[in-house]
């Protein structure tokens, strides 16, 4: 793909690919250096843009893996061959360019009213949770905050470099990381948890015995998992106002240009209905918050 035109769309900055790590044939981690610092809160997403084949501009939002204090913007991207943006991003390597929106968006943030954070995700859905935990570790978050991250994938290879990172974080007293593989018969060397995220989450919630009044629940990734985890948390007594979601779909339904957040984030609006049909892959956030 040729480098983007020197003049980005209004509200966007040029960004250079500094590093790329291919995790699988259809999964990669990309580190970007925008031409100016881009500010965001842990858990928010940034919109990338690139020139489309028809001469227009294709824009899609991605959750950020990096924490705000890190110098590069880190993203984990899953290729959707029939998508509109990821096929344009996929050939990019160090030195290539793309555009990034100046302002982040999203209200999928750490719940300040709870100290026990129960996080469930699939594949690329781990991105906002890593951003939150990295920020917590870097700035010394609330002393009584505790994190449980249950992260699911079909194959262990999909965990990429983040499996080692979560293992290291789990050595801390305030973080528990539980990766789980849903197809153990295809992962004979895997010796960790097996099963779907919601089943493994139920097991570890019972083990920890956290009081529901202290718990905030978060689900990010495949829409079916998100819906099931939400129900599980509510049945466990977690208040609905403290159950947060971020649903990932394929690129097809993504909103082109999510509105920028204001300086003070209001309460989450009513959750929008999900588009019909199977998601087909876990890549992009297509129910972005205003």
C-alpha atoms as a PDB file:
ATOM      1  CA  UNK A   1       0.000   0.000   0.000  1.00  0.00           C
ATOM      2  CA  UNK A   2       1.400   3.455  -0.850  1.00  0.00           C
ATOM      3  CA  UNK A   3       1.957   5.890   2.000  1.00  0.00           C
ATOM      4  CA  UNK A   4      -1.038   8.105   2.760  1.00  0.00           C
ATOM      5  CA  UNK A   5      -1.274  11.500   1.092  1.00  0.00           C
ATOM      6  CA  UNK A   6       0.711  14.092   3.104  1.00  0.00           C
ATOM      7  CA  UNK A   7      -2.508  15.941   3.995  1.00  0.00           C
ATOM      8  CA  UNK A   8      -4.596  13.797   6.392  1.00  0.00           C
ATOM      9  CA  UNK A   9      -8.369  14.252   6.733  1.00  0.00           C
ATOM     10  CA  UNK A  10      -9.522  16.985   9.137  1.00  0.00           C
ATOM     11  CA  UNK A  11      -8.975  15.924  12.731  1.00  0.00           C
ATOM     12  CA  UNK A  12      -6.327  13.311  11.845  1.00  0.00           C
ATOM     13  CA  UNK A  13      -2.539  13.145  12.146  1.00  0.00           C
ATOM     14  CA  UNK A  14       0.006  11.213  10.108  1.00  0.00           C
ATOM     15  CA  UNK A  15       1.502   8.297  12.015  1.00  0.00           C
ATOM     16  CA  UNK A  16       4.486   6.119  11.168  1.00  0.00           C
ATOM     17  CA  UNK A  17       4.723   2.394  11.817  1.00  0.00           C
ATOM     18  CA  UNK A  18       7.687   1.954  14.169  1.00  0.00           C
ATOM     19  CA  UNK A  19       7.408  -1.779  14.712  1.00  0.00           C
ATOM     20  CA  UNK A  20       5.290  -4.761  13.696  1.00  0.00           C
ATOM     21  CA  UNK A  21       5.019  -8.242  15.189  1.00  0.00           C
ATOM     22  CA  UNK A  22       3.148 -10.939  13.265  1.00  0.00           C
ATOM     23  CA  UNK A  23       1.434 -13.250  15.748  1.00  0.00           C
ATOM     24  CA  UNK A  24      -0.381 -15.436  13.205  1.00  0.00           C
ATOM     25  CA  UNK A  25      -1.302 -15.299   9.527  1.00  0.00           C
ATOM     26  CA  UNK A  26      -4.231 -13.041  10.375  1.00  0.00           C
ATOM     27  CA  UNK A  27      -3.133 -11.388  13.629  1.00  0.00           C
ATOM     28  CA  UNK A  28      -0.475  -8.724  14.205  1.00  0.00           C
ATOM     29  CA  UNK A  29       0.649  -6.156  16.753  1.00  0.00           C
ATOM     30  CA  UNK A  30       1.489  -2.737  15.307  1.00  0.00           C
ATOM     31  CA  UNK A  31       3.217   0.143  17.093  1.00  0.00           C
ATOM     32  CA  UNK A  32       2.567   3.636  15.695  1.00  0.00           C
ATOM     33  CA  UNK A  33       4.292   6.956  16.310  1.00  0.00           C
ATOM     34  CA  UNK A  34       1.886   9.839  15.562  1.00  0.00           C
ATOM     35  CA  UNK A  35       3.433  13.089  14.379  1.00  0.00           C
ATOM     36  CA  UNK A  36       2.067  14.725  17.557  1.00  0.00           C
ATOM     37  CA  UNK A  37       1.206  13.160  20.930  1.00  0.00           C
ATOM     38  CA  UNK A  38      -2.293  11.660  21.043  1.00  0.00           C
ATOM     39  CA  UNK A  39      -4.006  11.675  24.411  1.00  0.00           C
ATOM     40  CA  UNK A  40      -6.435   8.998  25.572  1.00  0.00           C
ATOM     41  CA  UNK A  41      -7.698   7.335  28.713  1.00  0.00           C
ATOM     42  CA  UNK A  42      -6.955   3.641  29.389  1.00  0.00           C
ATOM     43  CA  UNK A  43      -9.707   1.617  27.725  1.00  0.00           C
ATOM     44  CA  UNK A  44     -10.514   4.132  24.991  1.00  0.00           C
ATOM     45  CA  UNK A  45     -10.078   3.615  21.267  1.00  0.00           C
ATOM     46  CA  UNK A  46      -8.497   5.553  18.433  1.00  0.00           C
ATOM     47  CA  UNK A  47      -9.694   5.702  14.856  1.00  0.00           C
ATOM     48  CA  UNK A  48      -7.280   4.894  12.039  1.00  0.00           C
ATOM     49  CA  UNK A  49      -7.765   6.050   8.475  1.00  0.00           C
ATOM     50  CA  UNK A  50      -6.264   5.282   5.087  1.00  0.00           C
ATOM     51  CA  UNK A  51      -7.021   6.170   1.455  1.00  0.00           C
ATOM     52  CA  UNK A  52      -9.576   3.788  -0.036  1.00  0.00           C
ATOM     53  CA  UNK A  53      -9.516   2.253  -3.487  1.00  0.00           C
ATOM     54  CA  UNK A  54     -12.256   4.621  -4.676  1.00  0.00           C
ATOM     55  CA  UNK A  55     -10.297   7.719  -3.724  1.00  0.00           C
ATOM     56  CA  UNK A  56     -12.179   8.210  -0.459  1.00  0.00           C
ATOM     57  CA  UNK A  57     -10.955   7.696   3.088  1.00  0.00           C
ATOM     58  CA  UNK A  58     -11.650   4.532   5.102  1.00  0.00           C
ATOM     59  CA  UNK A  59     -11.919   5.026   8.890  1.00  0.00           C
ATOM     60  CA  UNK A  60     -12.240   2.371  11.580  1.00  0.00           C
ATOM     61  CA  UNK A  61     -11.822   2.419  15.396  1.00  0.00           C
ATOM     62  CA  UNK A  62      -9.390   0.203  17.308  1.00  0.00           C
ATOM     63  CA  UNK A  63      -8.952  -0.281  21.042  1.00  0.00           C
ATOM     64  CA  UNK A  64      -5.525   0.805  22.275  1.00  0.00           C
ATOM     65  CA  UNK A  65      -3.252  -1.701  24.023  1.00  0.00           C
ATOM     66  CA  UNK A  66      -0.696   0.833  25.218  1.00  0.00           C
ATOM     67  CA  UNK A  67      -1.155   2.945  28.320  1.00  0.00           C
ATOM     68  CA  UNK A  68      -1.228   6.749  28.019  1.00  0.00           C
ATOM     69  CA  UNK A  69       2.319   7.159  29.381  1.00  0.00           C
ATOM     70  CA  UNK A  70       3.880   4.990  26.650  1.00  0.00           C
ATOM     71  CA  UNK A  71       5.550   6.772  23.722  1.00  0.00           C
ATOM     72  CA  UNK A  72       4.024   4.600  20.963  1.00  0.00           C
ATOM     73  CA  UNK A  73       0.414   3.706  20.195  1.00  0.00           C
ATOM     74  CA  UNK A  74       0.146  -0.077  20.341  1.00  0.00           C
ATOM     75  CA  UNK A  75      -2.675  -1.868  18.514  1.00  0.00           C
ATOM     76  CA  UNK A  76      -3.486  -5.537  17.959  1.00  0.00           C
ATOM     77  CA  UNK A  77      -5.134  -6.060  14.589  1.00  0.00           C
ATOM     78  CA  UNK A  78      -6.923  -9.066  13.140  1.00  0.00           C
ATOM     79  CA  UNK A  79      -7.096  -9.298   9.361  1.00  0.00           C
ATOM     80  CA  UNK A  80     -10.557  -9.477   7.810  1.00  0.00           C
ATOM     81  CA  UNK A  81      -9.944 -10.292   4.128  1.00  0.00           C
ATOM     82  CA  UNK A  82     -13.326  -8.903   3.080  1.00  0.00           C
ATOM     83  CA  UNK A  83     -12.962  -5.834   5.296  1.00  0.00           C
ATOM     84  CA  UNK A  84     -12.374  -2.311   4.119  1.00  0.00           C
ATOM     85  CA  UNK A  85      -9.467  -1.158   6.299  1.00  0.00           C
ATOM     86  CA  UNK A  86      -7.487  -4.155   7.573  1.00  0.00           C
ATOM     87  CA  UNK A  87      -6.511  -5.278   4.026  1.00  0.00           C
ATOM     88  CA  UNK A  88      -5.056  -1.766   3.596  1.00  0.00           C
ATOM     89  CA  UNK A  89      -3.219  -1.950   6.923  1.00  0.00           C
ATOM     90  CA  UNK A  90      -1.947  -5.480   6.496  1.00  0.00           C
ATOM     91  CA  UNK A  91       1.018  -4.765   4.156  1.00  0.00           C
ATOM     92  CA  UNK A  92       2.303  -1.984   6.434  1.00  0.00           C
ATOM     93  CA  UNK A  93       5.729  -2.351   7.985  1.00  0.00           C
ATOM     94  CA  UNK A  94       8.257  -0.105   9.736  1.00  0.00           C
ATOM     95  CA  UNK A  95       8.470   3.278   8.052  1.00  0.00           C
ATOM     96  CA  UNK A  96       5.060   3.065   6.375  1.00  0.00           C
ATOM     97  CA  UNK A  97       2.344   5.572   7.146  1.00  0.00           C
ATOM     98  CA  UNK A  98      -1.281   5.708   8.178  1.00  0.00           C
ATOM     99  CA  UNK A  99      -3.533   8.367   9.715  1.00  0.00           C
ATOM    100  CA  UNK A 100      -4.756   8.435  13.309  1.00  0.00           C
ATOM    101  CA  UNK A 101      -7.497  10.571  14.796  1.00  0.00           C
ATOM    102  CA  UNK A 102      -6.250  13.295  17.136  1.00  0.00           C
ATOM    103  CA  UNK A 103      -8.826  12.549  19.812  1.00  0.00           C
ATOM    104  CA  UNK A 104      -9.724   9.244  21.384  1.00  0.00           C
ATOM    105  CA  UNK A 105     -13.282   8.188  22.172  1.00  0.00           C
ATOM    106  CA  UNK A 106     -15.124   5.662  24.295  1.00  0.00           C
ATOM    107  CA  UNK A 107     -16.424   5.222  27.827  1.00  0.00           C
ATOM    108  CA  UNK A 108     -15.114   1.712  28.435  1.00  0.00           C
ATOM    109  CA  UNK A 109     -13.046   2.894  31.395  1.00  0.00           C
ATOM    110  CA  UNK A 110     -12.013   1.579  34.784  1.00  0.00           C
ATOM    111  CA  UNK A 111     -14.950   1.879  37.179  1.00  0.00           C
ATOM    112  CA  UNK A 112     -13.818   4.286  39.947  1.00  0.00           C
ATOM    113  CA  UNK A 113     -16.575   3.181  42.337  1.00  0.00           C
ATOM    114  CA  UNK A 114     -15.427  -0.433  42.614  1.00  0.00           C
ATOM    115  CA  UNK A 115     -12.193  -2.041  43.779  1.00  0.00           C
ATOM    116  CA  UNK A 116     -12.631  -5.553  42.341  1.00  0.00           C
ATOM    117  CA  UNK A 117     -12.361  -5.526  38.560  1.00  0.00           C
ATOM    118  CA  UNK A 118     -13.552  -8.683  36.773  1.00  0.00           C
ATOM    119  CA  UNK A 119     -12.481  -8.610  33.123  1.00  0.00           C
ATOM    120  CA  UNK A 120     -13.547 -11.105  30.442  1.00  0.00           C
ATOM    121  CA  UNK A 121     -12.291 -10.964  26.859  1.00  0.00           C
ATOM    122  CA  UNK A 122     -11.635 -12.869  23.660  1.00  0.00           C
ATOM    123  CA  UNK A 123      -8.515 -12.540  21.480  1.00  0.00           C
ATOM    124  CA  UNK A 124      -8.084  -8.825  20.578  1.00  0.00           C
ATOM    125  CA  UNK A 125     -10.570  -7.889  23.320  1.00  0.00           C
ATOM    126  CA  UNK A 126      -7.685  -7.975  25.787  1.00  0.00           C
ATOM    127  CA  UNK A 127      -6.468  -4.602  24.432  1.00  0.00           C
ATOM    128  CA  UNK A 128      -8.358  -2.172  26.710  1.00  0.00           C
ATOM    129  CA  UNK A 129      -7.701  -4.322  29.787  1.00  0.00           C
ATOM    130  CA  UNK A 130      -3.963  -4.303  29.193  1.00  0.00           C
ATOM    131  CA  UNK A 131      -4.104  -0.525  28.797  1.00  0.00           C
ATOM    132  CA  UNK A 132      -5.954  -0.191  32.118  1.00  0.00           C
ATOM    133  CA  UNK A 133      -3.619  -2.516  34.014  1.00  0.00           C
ATOM    134  CA  UNK A 134      -0.433  -1.044  32.530  1.00  0.00           C
ATOM    135  CA  UNK A 135      -1.627   2.402  33.613  1.00  0.00           C
ATOM    136  CA  UNK A 136      -2.523   1.097  37.077  1.00  0.00           C
ATOM    137  CA  UNK A 137       0.952  -0.391  37.486  1.00  0.00           C
ATOM    138  CA  UNK A 138       2.755   2.669  36.083  1.00  0.00           C
ATOM    139  CA  UNK A 139       1.032   5.335  38.153  1.00  0.00           C
ATOM    140  CA  UNK A 140       0.359   3.266  41.273  1.00  0.00           C
ATOM    141  CA  UNK A 141      -3.427   3.032  41.091  1.00  0.00           C
ATOM    142  CA  UNK A 142      -5.738   2.662  44.058  1.00  0.00           C
ATOM    143  CA  UNK A 143      -4.039   0.483  46.654  1.00  0.00           C
ATOM    144  CA  UNK A 144      -7.045  -1.771  47.129  1.00  0.00           C
ATOM    145  CA  UNK A 145      -7.760  -2.358  43.409  1.00  0.00           C
ATOM    146  CA  UNK A 146      -7.652  -6.008  42.338  1.00  0.00           C
ATOM    147  CA  UNK A 147      -7.951  -7.393  38.815  1.00  0.00           C
ATOM    148  CA  UNK A 148      -9.127 -10.738  37.458  1.00  0.00           C
ATOM    149  CA  UNK A 149      -8.585 -11.129  33.695  1.00  0.00           C
ATOM    150  CA  UNK A 150     -10.092 -14.188  31.993  1.00  0.00           C
ATOM    151  CA  UNK A 151      -8.931 -14.228  28.383  1.00  0.00           C
ATOM    152  CA  UNK A 152     -10.144 -16.758  25.839  1.00  0.00           C
ATOM    153  CA  UNK A 153      -8.954 -17.895  22.425  1.00  0.00           C
ATOM    154  CA  UNK A 154      -9.489 -20.910  20.222  1.00  0.00           C
ATOM    155  CA  UNK A 155      -5.749 -21.478  19.873  1.00  0.00           C
ATOM    156  CA  UNK A 156      -2.908 -20.608  22.222  1.00  0.00           C
ATOM    157  CA  UNK A 157      -1.012 -18.899  19.380  1.00  0.00           C
ATOM    158  CA  UNK A 158      -3.667 -16.157  19.365  1.00  0.00           C
ATOM    159  CA  UNK A 159      -2.445 -14.926  22.750  1.00  0.00           C
ATOM    160  CA  UNK A 160       0.728 -13.674  21.090  1.00  0.00           C
ATOM    161  CA  UNK A 161       3.153 -11.647  23.223  1.00  0.00           C
ATOM    162  CA  UNK A 162       0.455 -10.778  25.751  1.00  0.00           C
ATOM    163  CA  UNK A 163       0.440 -14.208  27.352  1.00  0.00           C
ATOM    164  CA  UNK A 164       3.935 -13.617  28.708  1.00  0.00           C
ATOM    165  CA  UNK A 165       3.010 -10.087  29.788  1.00  0.00           C
ATOM    166  CA  UNK A 166      -0.053 -11.261  31.710  1.00  0.00           C
ATOM    167  CA  UNK A 167       1.985 -14.052  33.299  1.00  0.00           C
ATOM    168  CA  UNK A 168       4.411 -11.414  34.568  1.00  0.00           C
ATOM    169  CA  UNK A 169       1.590  -9.190  35.812  1.00  0.00           C
ATOM    170  CA  UNK A 170       0.043 -12.153  37.622  1.00  0.00           C
ATOM    171  CA  UNK A 171       3.148 -12.292  39.819  1.00  0.00           C
ATOM    172  CA  UNK A 172       1.786  -9.155  41.469  1.00  0.00           C
ATOM    173  CA  UNK A 173      -0.597  -9.378  44.406  1.00  0.00           C
ATOM    174  CA  UNK A 174      -3.243  -7.298  42.646  1.00  0.00           C
ATOM    175  CA  UNK A 175      -3.538  -9.059  39.260  1.00  0.00           C
ATOM    176  CA  UNK A 176      -4.805 -12.550  38.402  1.00  0.00           C
ATOM    177  CA  UNK A 177      -4.589 -13.597  34.754  1.00  0.00           C
ATOM    178  CA  UNK A 178      -6.391 -16.699  33.499  1.00  0.00           C
ATOM    179  CA  UNK A 179      -5.951 -17.471  29.790  1.00  0.00           C
ATOM    180  CA  UNK A 180      -8.167 -20.260  28.497  1.00  0.00           C
ATOM    181  CA  UNK A 181      -8.234 -22.224  25.235  1.00  0.00           C
ATOM    182  CA  UNK A 182     -11.592 -23.386  23.892  1.00  0.00           C
ATOM    183  CA  UNK A 183     -10.188 -26.051  21.516  1.00  0.00           C
ATOM    184  CA  UNK A 184      -7.717 -28.009  23.630  1.00  0.00           C
ATOM    185  CA  UNK A 185      -7.730 -30.912  21.174  1.00  0.00           C
ATOM    186  CA  UNK A 186      -6.027 -28.573  18.671  1.00  0.00           C
ATOM    187  CA  UNK A 187      -3.547 -27.339  21.308  1.00  0.00           C
ATOM    188  CA  UNK A 188      -1.909 -30.498  22.685  1.00  0.00           C
ATOM    189  CA  UNK A 189       0.936 -28.569  24.345  1.00  0.00           C
ATOM    190  CA  UNK A 190      -1.407 -26.245  26.244  1.00  0.00           C
ATOM    191  CA  UNK A 191      -1.432 -26.939  29.980  1.00  0.00           C
ATOM    192  CA  UNK A 192      -3.564 -24.023  31.188  1.00  0.00           C
ATOM    193  CA  UNK A 193      -7.311 -23.604  31.602  1.00  0.00           C
ATOM    194  CA  UNK A 194      -9.593 -24.986  28.906  1.00  0.00           C
ATOM    195  CA  UNK A 195     -13.138 -24.026  28.000  1.00  0.00           C
ATOM    196  CA  UNK A 196     -15.119 -20.955  27.124  1.00  0.00           C
ATOM    197  CA  UNK A 197     -14.485 -17.662  28.884  1.00  0.00           C
ATOM    198  CA  UNK A 198     -17.821 -17.604  30.682  1.00  0.00           C
ATOM    199  CA  UNK A 199     -17.345 -21.078  32.182  1.00  0.00           C
ATOM    200  CA  UNK A 200     -13.818 -20.353  33.378  1.00  0.00           C
ATOM    201  CA  UNK A 201     -14.914 -16.981  34.735  1.00  0.00           C
ATOM    202  CA  UNK A 202     -17.650 -18.594  36.826  1.00  0.00           C
ATOM    203  CA  UNK A 203     -15.113 -20.997  38.337  1.00  0.00           C
ATOM    204  CA  UNK A 204     -12.663 -18.262  39.346  1.00  0.00           C
ATOM    205  CA  UNK A 205     -15.323 -15.911  40.666  1.00  0.00           C
ATOM    206  CA  UNK A 206     -16.450 -18.693  42.984  1.00  0.00           C
ATOM    207  CA  UNK A 207     -12.857 -19.302  44.056  1.00  0.00           C
ATOM    208  CA  UNK A 208     -12.130 -15.657  44.855  1.00  0.00           C
ATOM    209  CA  UNK A 209     -15.384 -15.051  46.662  1.00  0.00           C
ATOM    210  CA  UNK A 210     -15.346 -11.298  46.062  1.00  0.00           C
ATOM    211  CA  UNK A 211     -18.358  -9.448  47.457  1.00  0.00           C
ATOM    212  CA  UNK A 212     -20.678  -8.380  44.632  1.00  0.00           C
ATOM    213  CA  UNK A 213     -20.919  -4.884  46.104  1.00  0.00           C
ATOM    214  CA  UNK A 214     -17.166  -4.436  45.458  1.00  0.00           C
ATOM    215  CA  UNK A 215     -17.188  -5.805  41.889  1.00  0.00           C
ATOM    216  CA  UNK A 216     -17.224  -4.056  38.529  1.00  0.00           C
ATOM    217  CA  UNK A 217     -17.556  -6.395  35.568  1.00  0.00           C
ATOM    218  CA  UNK A 218     -16.199  -5.781  32.079  1.00  0.00           C
ATOM    219  CA  UNK A 219     -16.656  -7.836  28.919  1.00  0.00           C
ATOM    220  CA  UNK A 220     -14.887  -7.082  25.652  1.00  0.00           C
ATOM    221  CA  UNK A 221     -14.816  -9.077  22.435  1.00  0.00           C
ATOM    222  CA  UNK A 222     -17.133 -11.537  20.756  1.00  0.00           C
ATOM    223  CA  UNK A 223     -20.765 -10.402  21.170  1.00  0.00           C
ATOM    224  CA  UNK A 224     -22.066 -13.790  22.322  1.00  0.00           C
ATOM    225  CA  UNK A 225     -19.418 -13.955  25.043  1.00  0.00           C
ATOM    226  CA  UNK A 226     -20.174 -10.390  26.099  1.00  0.00           C
ATOM    227  CA  UNK A 227     -23.878 -11.104  26.456  1.00  0.00           C
ATOM    228  CA  UNK A 228     -23.309 -14.326  28.402  1.00  0.00           C
ATOM    229  CA  UNK A 229     -20.797 -12.742  30.773  1.00  0.00           C
ATOM    230  CA  UNK A 230     -23.134  -9.833  31.440  1.00  0.00           C
ATOM    231  CA  UNK A 231     -25.870 -12.250  32.490  1.00  0.00           C
ATOM    232  CA  UNK A 232     -23.444 -14.225  34.645  1.00  0.00           C
ATOM    233  CA  UNK A 233     -22.293 -11.126  36.496  1.00  0.00           C
ATOM    234  CA  UNK A 234     -25.808  -9.876  37.105  1.00  0.00           C
ATOM    235  CA  UNK A 235     -26.886 -13.247  38.452  1.00  0.00           C
ATOM    236  CA  UNK A 236     -23.868 -13.083  40.765  1.00  0.00           C
ATOM    237  CA  UNK A 237     -25.307  -9.881  42.204  1.00  0.00           C
ATOM    238  CA  UNK A 238     -23.149  -7.286  40.424  1.00  0.00           C
ATOM    239  CA  UNK A 239     -25.197  -4.115  39.979  1.00  0.00           C
ATOM    240  CA  UNK A 240     -26.159  -3.420  36.373  1.00  0.00           C
ATOM    241  CA  UNK A 241     -24.614   0.066  36.516  1.00  0.00           C
ATOM    242  CA  UNK A 242     -21.267  -1.604  37.187  1.00  0.00           C
ATOM    243  CA  UNK A 243     -21.372  -4.128  34.337  1.00  0.00           C
ATOM    244  CA  UNK A 244     -19.608  -2.625  31.314  1.00  0.00           C
ATOM    245  CA  UNK A 245     -19.343  -3.898  27.749  1.00  0.00           C
ATOM    246  CA  UNK A 246     -17.424  -3.334  24.555  1.00  0.00           C
ATOM    247  CA  UNK A 247     -18.676  -5.443  21.653  1.00  0.00           C
ATOM    248  CA  UNK A 248     -16.375  -6.273  18.751  1.00  0.00           C
ATOM    249  CA  UNK A 249     -17.644  -7.066  15.259  1.00  0.00           C
ATOM    250  CA  UNK A 250     -16.142  -7.284  11.803  1.00  0.00           C
ATOM    251  CA  UNK A 251     -15.424  -4.148   9.857  1.00  0.00           C
ATOM    252  CA  UNK A 252     -18.631  -4.272   7.872  1.00  0.00           C
ATOM    253  CA  UNK A 253     -20.753  -2.387  10.375  1.00  0.00           C
ATOM    254  CA  UNK A 254     -18.155  -0.061  11.831  1.00  0.00           C
ATOM    255  CA  UNK A 255     -19.052   3.560  12.249  1.00  0.00           C
ATOM    256  CA  UNK A 256     -16.772   5.618  10.049  1.00  0.00           C
ATOM    257  CA  UNK A 257     -15.934   8.440  12.418  1.00  0.00           C
ATOM    258  CA  UNK A 258     -16.925   8.118  16.079  1.00  0.00           C
ATOM    259  CA  UNK A 259     -17.514  11.482  17.736  1.00  0.00           C
ATOM    260  CA  UNK A 260     -14.782  12.736  20.058  1.00  0.00           C
ATOM    261  CA  UNK A 261     -15.297  12.625  23.815  1.00  0.00           C
ATOM    262  CA  UNK A 262     -15.875  15.734  25.829  1.00  0.00           C
ATOM    263  CA  UNK A 263     -13.550  16.695  28.656  1.00  0.00           C
ATOM    264  CA  UNK A 264     -15.772  15.085  31.287  1.00  0.00           C
ATOM    265  CA  UNK A 265     -17.318  11.757  30.404  1.00  0.00           C
ATOM    266  CA  UNK A 266     -21.016  11.446  31.305  1.00  0.00           C
ATOM    267  CA  UNK A 267     -22.587   8.166  32.387  1.00  0.00           C
ATOM    268  CA  UNK A 268     -22.807   5.450  29.746  1.00  0.00           C
ATOM    269  CA  UNK A 269     -25.801   5.908  27.443  1.00  0.00           C
ATOM    270  CA  UNK A 270     -28.303   3.088  26.865  1.00  0.00           C
ATOM    271  CA  UNK A 271     -26.568   0.252  25.044  1.00  0.00           C
ATOM    272  CA  UNK A 272     -27.361   0.192  21.329  1.00  0.00           C
ATOM    273  CA  UNK A 273     -28.879  -2.884  19.763  1.00  0.00           C
ATOM    274  CA  UNK A 274     -26.442  -5.198  18.039  1.00  0.00           C
ATOM    275  CA  UNK A 275     -26.553  -5.700  14.291  1.00  0.00           C
ATOM    276  CA  UNK A 276     -28.069  -9.006  13.177  1.00  0.00           C
ATOM    277  CA  UNK A 277     -26.088 -11.948  11.940  1.00  0.00           C
ATOM    278  CA  UNK A 278     -22.923 -13.731  12.950  1.00  0.00           C
ATOM    279  CA  UNK A 279     -19.948 -11.467  13.672  1.00  0.00           C
ATOM    280  CA  UNK A 280     -17.568 -13.522  11.570  1.00  0.00           C
ATOM    281  CA  UNK A 281     -14.490 -12.395  13.480  1.00  0.00           C
ATOM    282  CA  UNK A 282     -13.255 -10.372  16.408  1.00  0.00           C
ATOM    283  CA  UNK A 283     -11.622  -7.239  15.149  1.00  0.00           C
ATOM    284  CA  UNK A 284     -13.237  -3.881  15.496  1.00  0.00           C
ATOM    285  CA  UNK A 285     -15.469  -2.056  17.839  1.00  0.00           C
ATOM    286  CA  UNK A 286     -18.617  -1.265  15.909  1.00  0.00           C
ATOM    287  CA  UNK A 287     -20.755  -0.129  18.806  1.00  0.00           C
ATOM    288  CA  UNK A 288     -18.565   2.845  19.766  1.00  0.00           C
ATOM    289  CA  UNK A 289     -19.685   5.112  22.539  1.00  0.00           C
ATOM    290  CA  UNK A 290     -20.533   8.708  21.587  1.00  0.00           C
END
